[in-house]
Amino acid sequence: MSWNDAQAYIAWLNQISGQTYRLLREAERGYATRGSSQSAFWWGDTISTAQANYGGTGTSYNGSLRGEYRQATVPVMSASNS
């Protein structure tokens, strides 16, 4: 879904519901996904390639362990098994 598609949907929803809706800002989304935690991620301050598919062979984030760089999308929940 594109940004424009999302905006069109919100405009339609606002019109038919009589309410006001909008997309979350990045900071709001981050806070909502972390709950009341002050850490970088909901599980803590480090991340590994078992938790996310990213270029884990480069610079580590906040002392995180380095890992595999898959260079492509992978099925959900498959990163920890590879």
PDB file of N, CA and C in Angstrom:
ATOM      1  N   MET A   1       0.845  -1.164   0.000  1.00  0.00           N
ATOM      2  CA  MET A   1       0.000   0.000   0.000  1.00  0.00           C
ATOM      3  C   MET A   1       0.894   1.231   0.000  1.00  0.00           C
ATOM      4  N   SER A   2       0.583   2.173  -0.828  1.00  0.00           N
ATOM      5  CA  SER A   2       1.378   3.398  -0.909  1.00  0.00           C
ATOM      6  C   SER A   2       0.890   4.424   0.109  1.00  0.00           C
ATOM      7  N   TRP A   3       1.696   5.441   0.308  1.00  0.00           N
ATOM      8  CA  TRP A   3       1.321   6.558   1.186  1.00  0.00           C
ATOM      9  C   TRP A   3       0.034   7.206   0.674  1.00  0.00           C
ATOM     10  N   ASN A   4      -0.050   7.405  -0.638  1.00  0.00           N
ATOM     11  CA  ASN A   4      -1.243   8.033  -1.210  1.00  0.00           C
ATOM     12  C   ASN A   4      -2.486   7.166  -1.009  1.00  0.00           C
ATOM     13  N   ASP A   5      -2.333   5.832  -1.131  1.00  0.00           N
ATOM     14  CA  ASP A   5      -3.460   4.928  -0.875  1.00  0.00           C
ATOM     15  C   ASP A   5      -3.936   5.060   0.572  1.00  0.00           C
ATOM     16  N   ALA A   6      -2.987   5.094   1.494  1.00  0.00           N
ATOM     17  CA  ALA A   6      -3.337   5.230   2.913  1.00  0.00           C
ATOM     18  C   ALA A   6      -4.042   6.553   3.181  1.00  0.00           C
ATOM     19  N   GLN A   7      -3.548   7.619   2.588  1.00  0.00           N
ATOM     20  CA  GLN A   7      -4.177   8.931   2.777  1.00  0.00           C
ATOM     21  C   GLN A   7      -5.588   8.959   2.190  1.00  0.00           C
ATOM     22  N   ALA A   8      -5.770   8.325   1.041  1.00  0.00           N
ATOM     23  CA  ALA A   8      -7.104   8.265   0.426  1.00  0.00           C
ATOM     24  C   ALA A   8      -8.060   7.475   1.308  1.00  0.00           C
ATOM     25  N   TYR A   9      -7.589   6.380   1.879  1.00  0.00           N
ATOM     26  CA  TYR A   9      -8.427   5.579   2.775  1.00  0.00           C
ATOM     27  C   TYR A   9      -8.819   6.387   4.010  1.00  0.00           C
ATOM     28  N   ILE A  10      -7.866   7.108   4.583  1.00  0.00           N
ATOM     29  CA  ILE A  10      -8.160   7.913   5.769  1.00  0.00           C
ATOM     30  C   ILE A  10      -9.165   9.003   5.436  1.00  0.00           C
ATOM     31  N   ALA A  11      -9.017   9.642   4.285  1.00  0.00           N
ATOM     32  CA  ALA A  11      -9.986  10.668   3.875  1.00  0.00           C
ATOM     33  C   ALA A  11     -11.379  10.060   3.745  1.00  0.00           C
ATOM     34  N   TRP A  12     -11.466   8.873   3.139  1.00  0.00           N
ATOM     35  CA  TRP A  12     -12.752   8.177   2.993  1.00  0.00           C
ATOM     36  C   TRP A  12     -13.318   7.823   4.363  1.00  0.00           C
ATOM     37  N   LEU A  13     -12.496   7.281   5.243  1.00  0.00           N
ATOM     38  CA  LEU A  13     -12.935   6.894   6.579  1.00  0.00           C
ATOM     39  C   LEU A  13     -13.429   8.103   7.372  1.00  0.00           C
ATOM     40  N   ASN A  14     -12.694   9.200   7.295  1.00  0.00           N
ATOM     41  CA  ASN A  14     -13.115  10.427   7.974  1.00  0.00           C
ATOM     42  C   ASN A  14     -14.487  10.885   7.471  1.00  0.00           C
ATOM     43  N   GLN A  15     -14.673  10.809   6.169  1.00  0.00           N
ATOM     44  CA  GLN A  15     -15.922  11.273   5.573  1.00  0.00           C
ATOM     45  C   GLN A  15     -17.107  10.395   5.988  1.00  0.00           C
ATOM     46  N   ILE A  16     -16.963   9.079   5.916  1.00  0.00           N
ATOM     47  CA  ILE A  16     -18.119   8.222   6.213  1.00  0.00           C
ATOM     48  C   ILE A  16     -18.379   8.063   7.699  1.00  0.00           C
ATOM     49  N   SER A  17     -17.349   8.251   8.541  1.00  0.00           N
ATOM     50  CA  SER A  17     -17.528   8.048   9.979  1.00  0.00           C
ATOM     51  C   SER A  17     -17.882   9.331  10.723  1.00  0.00           C
ATOM     52  N   GLY A  18     -17.527  10.471  10.145  1.00  0.00           N
ATOM     53  CA  GLY A  18     -17.718  11.733  10.848  1.00  0.00           C
ATOM     54  C   GLY A  18     -16.687  11.953  11.948  1.00  0.00           C
ATOM     55  N   GLN A  19     -15.718  11.051  12.043  1.00  0.00           N
ATOM     56  CA  GLN A  19     -14.624  11.159  13.014  1.00  0.00           C
ATOM     57  C   GLN A  19     -13.366  11.625  12.289  1.00  0.00           C
ATOM     58  N   THR A  20     -12.315  11.905  13.043  1.00  0.00           N
ATOM     59  CA  THR A  20     -11.049  12.303  12.444  1.00  0.00           C
ATOM     60  C   THR A  20     -10.000  11.244  12.738  1.00  0.00           C
ATOM     61  N   TYR A  21      -9.432  10.663  11.683  1.00  0.00           N
ATOM     62  CA  TYR A  21      -8.370   9.675  11.793  1.00  0.00           C
ATOM     63  C   TYR A  21      -7.155  10.172  11.035  1.00  0.00           C
ATOM     64  N   ARG A  22      -5.990   9.663  11.410  1.00  0.00           N
ATOM     65  CA  ARG A  22      -4.745  10.001  10.720  1.00  0.00           C
ATOM     66  C   ARG A  22      -3.754   8.875  10.945  1.00  0.00           C
ATOM     67  N   LEU A  23      -2.701   8.857  10.147  1.00  0.00           N
ATOM     68  CA  LEU A  23      -1.621   7.908  10.366  1.00  0.00           C
ATOM     69  C   LEU A  23      -0.783   8.367  11.549  1.00  0.00           C
ATOM     70  N   LEU A  24      -0.216   7.410  12.267  1.00  0.00           N
ATOM     71  CA  LEU A  24       0.682   7.756  13.363  1.00  0.00           C
ATOM     72  C   LEU A  24       1.971   8.355  12.827  1.00  0.00           C
ATOM     73  N   ARG A  25       2.540   9.280  13.590  1.00  0.00           N
ATOM     74  CA  ARG A  25       3.879   9.770  13.270  1.00  0.00           C
ATOM     75  C   ARG A  25       4.868   8.672  13.665  1.00  0.00           C
ATOM     76  N   GLU A  26       6.068   8.721  13.126  1.00  0.00           N
ATOM     77  CA  GLU A  26       7.072   7.700  13.421  1.00  0.00           C
ATOM     78  C   GLU A  26       7.325   7.583  14.922  1.00  0.00           C
ATOM     79  N   ALA A  27       7.454   8.699  15.609  1.00  0.00           N
ATOM     80  CA  ALA A  27       7.704   8.654  17.052  1.00  0.00           C
ATOM     81  C   ALA A  27       6.522   8.034  17.798  1.00  0.00           C
ATOM     82  N   GLU A  28       5.302   8.315  17.364  1.00  0.00           N
ATOM     83  CA  GLU A  28       4.117   7.726  18.001  1.00  0.00           C
ATOM     84  C   GLU A  28       4.078   6.219  17.777  1.00  0.00           C
ATOM     85  N   ARG A  29       4.401   5.787  16.570  1.00  0.00           N
ATOM     86  CA  ARG A  29       4.408   4.363  16.278  1.00  0.00           C
ATOM     87  C   ARG A  29       5.460   3.651  17.111  1.00  0.00           C
ATOM     88  N   GLY A  30       6.631   4.252  17.202  1.00  0.00           N
ATOM     89  CA  GLY A  30       7.697   3.658  18.003  1.00  0.00           C
ATOM     90  C   GLY A  30       7.315   3.541  19.466  1.00  0.00           C
ATOM     91  N   TYR A  31       6.716   4.581  20.015  1.00  0.00           N
ATOM     92  CA  TYR A  31       6.294   4.555  21.415  1.00  0.00           C
ATOM     93  C   TYR A  31       5.217   3.497  21.627  1.00  0.00           C
ATOM     94  N   ALA A  32       4.271   3.416  20.703  1.00  0.00           N
ATOM     95  CA  ALA A  32       3.179   2.445  20.837  1.00  0.00           C
ATOM     96  C   ALA A  32       3.705   1.015  20.791  1.00  0.00           C
ATOM     97  N   THR A  33       4.684   0.744  19.952  1.00  0.00           N
ATOM     98  CA  THR A  33       5.199  -0.615  19.847  1.00  0.00           C
ATOM     99  C   THR A  33       6.089  -0.990  21.025  1.00  0.00           C
ATOM    100  N   ARG A  34       6.692   0.005  21.676  1.00  0.00           N
ATOM    101  CA  ARG A  34       7.528  -0.274  22.839  1.00  0.00           C
ATOM    102  C   ARG A  34       6.733  -0.247  24.135  1.00  0.00           C
ATOM    103  N   GLY A  35       5.499   0.206  24.098  1.00  0.00           N
ATOM    104  CA  GLY A  35       4.746   0.382  25.341  1.00  0.00           C
ATOM    105  C   GLY A  35       5.365   1.509  26.125  1.00  0.00           C
ATOM    106  N   SER A  36       5.515   1.347  27.405  1.00  0.00           N
ATOM    107  CA  SER A  36       6.099   2.413  28.228  1.00  0.00           C
ATOM    108  C   SER A  36       7.608   2.242  28.395  1.00  0.00           C
ATOM    109  N   SER A  37       8.194   1.287  27.688  1.00  0.00           N
ATOM    110  CA  SER A  37       9.627   1.034  27.784  1.00  0.00           C
ATOM    111  C   SER A  37      10.421   2.222  27.244  1.00  0.00           C
ATOM    112  N   GLN A  38      11.551   2.481  27.837  1.00  0.00           N
ATOM    113  CA  GLN A  38      12.451   3.531  27.355  1.00  0.00           C
ATOM    114  C   GLN A  38      13.561   2.960  26.481  1.00  0.00           C
ATOM    115  N   SER A  39      13.536   1.651  26.235  1.00  0.00           N
ATOM    116  CA  SER A  39      14.581   1.008  25.434  1.00  0.00           C
ATOM    117  C   SER A  39      14.350   1.266  23.948  1.00  0.00           C
ATOM    118  N   ALA A  40      15.357   0.947  23.153  1.00  0.00           N
ATOM    119  CA  ALA A  40      15.275   1.165  21.711  1.00  0.00           C
ATOM    120  C   ALA A  40      14.224   0.280  21.054  1.00  0.00           C
ATOM    121  N   PHE A  41      14.055  -0.931  21.560  1.00  0.00           N
ATOM    122  CA  PHE A  41      13.098  -1.892  21.029  1.00  0.00           C
ATOM    123  C   PHE A  41      12.256  -2.415  22.176  1.00  0.00           C
ATOM    124  N   TRP A  42      11.137  -3.026  21.898  1.00  0.00           N
ATOM    125  CA  TRP A  42      10.275  -3.495  22.984  1.00  0.00           C
ATOM    126  C   TRP A  42      10.950  -4.570  23.817  1.00  0.00           C
ATOM    127  N   TRP A  43      11.951  -5.279  23.258  1.00  0.00           N
ATOM    128  CA  TRP A  43      12.618  -6.353  23.990  1.00  0.00           C
ATOM    129  C   TRP A  43      13.900  -5.897  24.660  1.00  0.00           C
ATOM    130  N   GLY A  44      14.360  -4.685  24.402  1.00  0.00           N
ATOM    131  CA  GLY A  44      15.599  -4.184  25.013  1.00  0.00           C
ATOM    132  C   GLY A  44      16.336  -3.240  24.096  1.00  0.00           C
ATOM    133  N   ASP A  45      17.611  -3.048  24.373  1.00  0.00           N
ATOM    134  CA  ASP A  45      18.401  -2.068  23.633  1.00  0.00           C
ATOM    135  C   ASP A  45      19.307  -2.643  22.554  1.00  0.00           C
ATOM    136  N   THR A  46      19.319  -3.955  22.381  1.00  0.00           N
ATOM    137  CA  THR A  46      20.144  -4.561  21.339  1.00  0.00           C
ATOM    138  C   THR A  46      19.257  -5.334  20.373  1.00  0.00           C
ATOM    139  N   ILE A  47      19.824  -5.665  19.226  1.00  0.00           N
ATOM    140  CA  ILE A  47      19.081  -6.413  18.203  1.00  0.00           C
ATOM    141  C   ILE A  47      20.033  -7.369  17.504  1.00  0.00           C
ATOM    142  N   SER A  48      19.528  -8.495  17.068  1.00  0.00           N
ATOM    143  CA  SER A  48      20.348  -9.458  16.345  1.00  0.00           C
ATOM    144  C   SER A  48      19.637  -9.864  15.058  1.00  0.00           C
ATOM    145  N   THR A  49      20.354 -10.543  14.192  1.00  0.00           N
ATOM    146  CA  THR A  49      19.733 -10.998  12.949  1.00  0.00           C
ATOM    147  C   THR A  49      18.788 -12.171  13.195  1.00  0.00           C
ATOM    148  N   ALA A  50      18.716 -12.681  14.405  1.00  0.00           N
ATOM    149  CA  ALA A  50      17.688 -13.660  14.763  1.00  0.00           C
ATOM    150  C   ALA A  50      16.361 -12.965  15.051  1.00  0.00           C
ATOM    151  N   GLN A  51      16.415 -11.651  15.317  1.00  0.00           N
ATOM    152  CA  GLN A  51      15.207 -10.888  15.621  1.00  0.00           C
ATOM    153  C   GLN A  51      14.705 -10.068  14.437  1.00  0.00           C
ATOM    154  N   ALA A  52      15.598  -9.746  13.511  1.00  0.00           N
ATOM    155  CA  ALA A  52      15.221  -8.907  12.369  1.00  0.00           C
ATOM    156  C   ALA A  52      16.130  -9.233  11.193  1.00  0.00           C
ATOM    157  N   ASN A  53      15.612  -9.040  10.003  1.00  0.00           N
ATOM    158  CA  ASN A  53      16.385  -9.277   8.793  1.00  0.00           C
ATOM    159  C   ASN A  53      17.014  -7.962   8.350  1.00  0.00           C
ATOM    160  N   TYR A  54      18.281  -7.804   8.660  1.00  0.00           N
ATOM    161  CA  TYR A  54      19.016  -6.598   8.280  1.00  0.00           C
ATOM    162  C   TYR A  54      20.459  -6.987   8.035  1.00  0.00           C
ATOM    163  N   GLY A  55      21.252  -6.065   7.535  1.00  0.00           N
ATOM    164  CA  GLY A  55      22.658  -6.340   7.240  1.00  0.00           C
ATOM    165  C   GLY A  55      23.468  -6.451   8.514  1.00  0.00           C
ATOM    166  N   GLY A  56      23.431  -7.597   9.153  1.00  0.00           N
ATOM    167  CA  GLY A  56      24.061  -7.791  10.448  1.00  0.00           C
ATOM    168  C   GLY A  56      25.564  -7.928  10.431  1.00  0.00           C
ATOM    169  N   THR A  57      26.191  -7.885   9.264  1.00  0.00           N
ATOM    170  CA  THR A  57      27.648  -8.026   9.203  1.00  0.00           C
ATOM    171  C   THR A  57      28.358  -6.684   9.341  1.00  0.00           C
ATOM    172  N   GLY A  58      27.612  -5.598   9.284  1.00  0.00           N
ATOM    173  CA  GLY A  58      28.214  -4.267   9.382  1.00  0.00           C
ATOM    174  C   GLY A  58      28.375  -3.822  10.815  1.00  0.00           C
ATOM    175  N   THR A  59      28.328  -2.545  11.032  1.00  0.00           N
ATOM    176  CA  THR A  59      28.455  -1.966  12.360  1.00  0.00           C
ATOM    177  C   THR A  59      27.312  -2.436  13.244  1.00  0.00           C
ATOM    178  N   SER A  60      27.641  -2.877  14.439  1.00  0.00           N
ATOM    179  CA  SER A  60      26.593  -3.356  15.342  1.00  0.00           C
ATOM    180  C   SER A  60      25.833  -2.183  15.937  1.00  0.00           C
ATOM    181  N   TYR A  61      24.617  -2.443  16.359  1.00  0.00           N
ATOM    182  CA  TYR A  61      23.797  -1.413  16.993  1.00  0.00           C
ATOM    183  C   TYR A  61      23.905  -1.561  18.499  1.00  0.00           C
ATOM    184  N   ASN A  62      24.433  -0.561  19.162  1.00  0.00           N
ATOM    185  CA  ASN A  62      24.459  -0.513  20.622  1.00  0.00           C
ATOM    186  C   ASN A  62      25.096  -1.768  21.233  1.00  0.00           C
ATOM    187  N   GLY A  63      26.143  -2.273  20.606  1.00  0.00           N
ATOM    188  CA  GLY A  63      26.832  -3.452  21.132  1.00  0.00           C
ATOM    189  C   GLY A  63      26.182  -4.775  20.771  1.00  0.00           C
ATOM    190  N   SER A  64      25.225  -4.753  19.858  1.00  0.00           N
ATOM    191  CA  SER A  64      24.551  -5.987  19.439  1.00  0.00           C
ATOM    192  C   SER A  64      25.533  -6.923  18.742  1.00  0.00           C
ATOM    193  N   LEU A  65      25.248  -8.214  18.820  1.00  0.00           N
ATOM    194  CA  LEU A  65      26.056  -9.191  18.101  1.00  0.00           C
ATOM    195  C   LEU A  65      25.847  -9.046  16.609  1.00  0.00           C
ATOM    196  N   ARG A  66      26.892  -9.288  15.845  1.00  0.00           N
ATOM    197  CA  ARG A  66      26.757  -9.282  14.392  1.00  0.00           C
ATOM    198  C   ARG A  66      26.192 -10.620  13.952  1.00  0.00           C
ATOM    199  N   GLY A  67      25.676 -10.664  12.734  1.00  0.00           N
ATOM    200  CA  GLY A  67      25.066 -11.893  12.256  1.00  0.00           C
ATOM    201  C   GLY A  67      25.052 -11.961  10.746  1.00  0.00           C
ATOM    202  N   GLU A  68      24.147 -12.731  10.246  1.00  0.00           N
ATOM    203  CA  GLU A  68      24.032 -12.997   8.821  1.00  0.00           C
ATOM    204  C   GLU A  68      23.438 -11.801   8.070  1.00  0.00           C
ATOM    205  N   TYR A  69      23.906 -11.597   6.833  1.00  0.00           N
ATOM    206  CA  TYR A  69      23.309 -10.613   5.936  1.00  0.00           C
ATOM    207  C   TYR A  69      22.630 -11.388   4.824  1.00  0.00           C
ATOM    208  N   ARG A  70      21.323 -11.514   4.866  1.00  0.00           N
ATOM    209  CA  ARG A  70      20.581 -12.369   3.938  1.00  0.00           C
ATOM    210  C   ARG A  70      20.384 -11.750   2.556  1.00  0.00           C
ATOM    211  N   GLN A  71      20.452 -10.450   2.435  1.00  0.00           N
ATOM    212  CA  GLN A  71      20.354  -9.715   1.179  1.00  0.00           C
ATOM    213  C   GLN A  71      19.032  -9.901   0.439  1.00  0.00           C
ATOM    214  N   ALA A  72      18.008 -10.376   1.126  1.00  0.00           N
ATOM    215  CA  ALA A  72      16.700 -10.569   0.501  1.00  0.00           C
ATOM    216  C   ALA A  72      15.658 -10.720   1.605  1.00  0.00           C
ATOM    217  N   THR A  73      14.405 -10.605   1.234  1.00  0.00           N
ATOM    218  CA  THR A  73      13.351 -10.860   2.205  1.00  0.00           C
ATOM    219  C   THR A  73      13.307 -12.351   2.525  1.00  0.00           C
ATOM    220  N   VAL A  74      12.796 -12.656   3.702  1.00  0.00           N
ATOM    221  CA  VAL A  74      12.688 -14.059   4.137  1.00  0.00           C
ATOM    222  C   VAL A  74      11.301 -14.265   4.751  1.00  0.00           C
ATOM    223  N   PRO A  75      10.814 -15.507   4.787  1.00  0.00           N
ATOM    224  CA  PRO A  75       9.517 -15.761   5.405  1.00  0.00           C
ATOM    225  C   PRO A  75       9.532 -15.375   6.891  1.00  0.00           C
ATOM    226  N   VAL A  76       8.388 -14.968   7.396  1.00  0.00           N
ATOM    227  CA  VAL A  76       8.247 -14.606   8.804  1.00  0.00           C
ATOM    228  C   VAL A  76       8.677 -15.776   9.688  1.00  0.00           C
ATOM    229  N   MET A  77       9.370 -15.460  10.768  1.00  0.00           N
ATOM    230  CA  MET A  77       9.858 -16.425  11.762  1.00  0.00           C
ATOM    231  C   MET A  77      10.926 -17.370  11.219  1.00  0.00           C
ATOM    232  N   SER A  78      11.521 -17.076  10.074  1.00  0.00           N
ATOM    233  CA  SER A  78      12.547 -17.960   9.542  1.00  0.00           C
ATOM    234  C   SER A  78      13.957 -17.490   9.891  1.00  0.00           C
ATOM    235  N   ALA A  79      14.132 -16.256  10.293  1.00  0.00           N
ATOM    236  CA  ALA A  79      15.466 -15.706  10.546  1.00  0.00           C
ATOM    237  C   ALA A  79      16.191 -16.452  11.658  1.00  0.00           C
ATOM    238  N   SER A  80      15.483 -16.834  12.698  1.00  0.00           N
ATOM    239  CA  SER A  80      16.139 -17.508  13.821  1.00  0.00           C
ATOM    240  C   SER A  80      16.498 -18.949  13.490  1.00  0.00           C
ATOM    241  N   ASN A  81      15.980 -19.476  12.386  1.00  0.00           N
ATOM    242  CA  ASN A  81      16.258 -20.855  12.017  1.00  0.00           C
ATOM    243  C   ASN A  81      17.356 -21.000  10.988  1.00  0.00           C
ATOM    244  N   SER A  82      17.895 -19.878  10.509  1.00  0.00           N
ATOM    245  CA  SER A  82      18.902 -20.002   9.445  1.00  0.00           C
ATOM    246  C   SER A  82      20.299 -19.792   9.966  1.00  0.00           C
TER     247      SER A  82
END
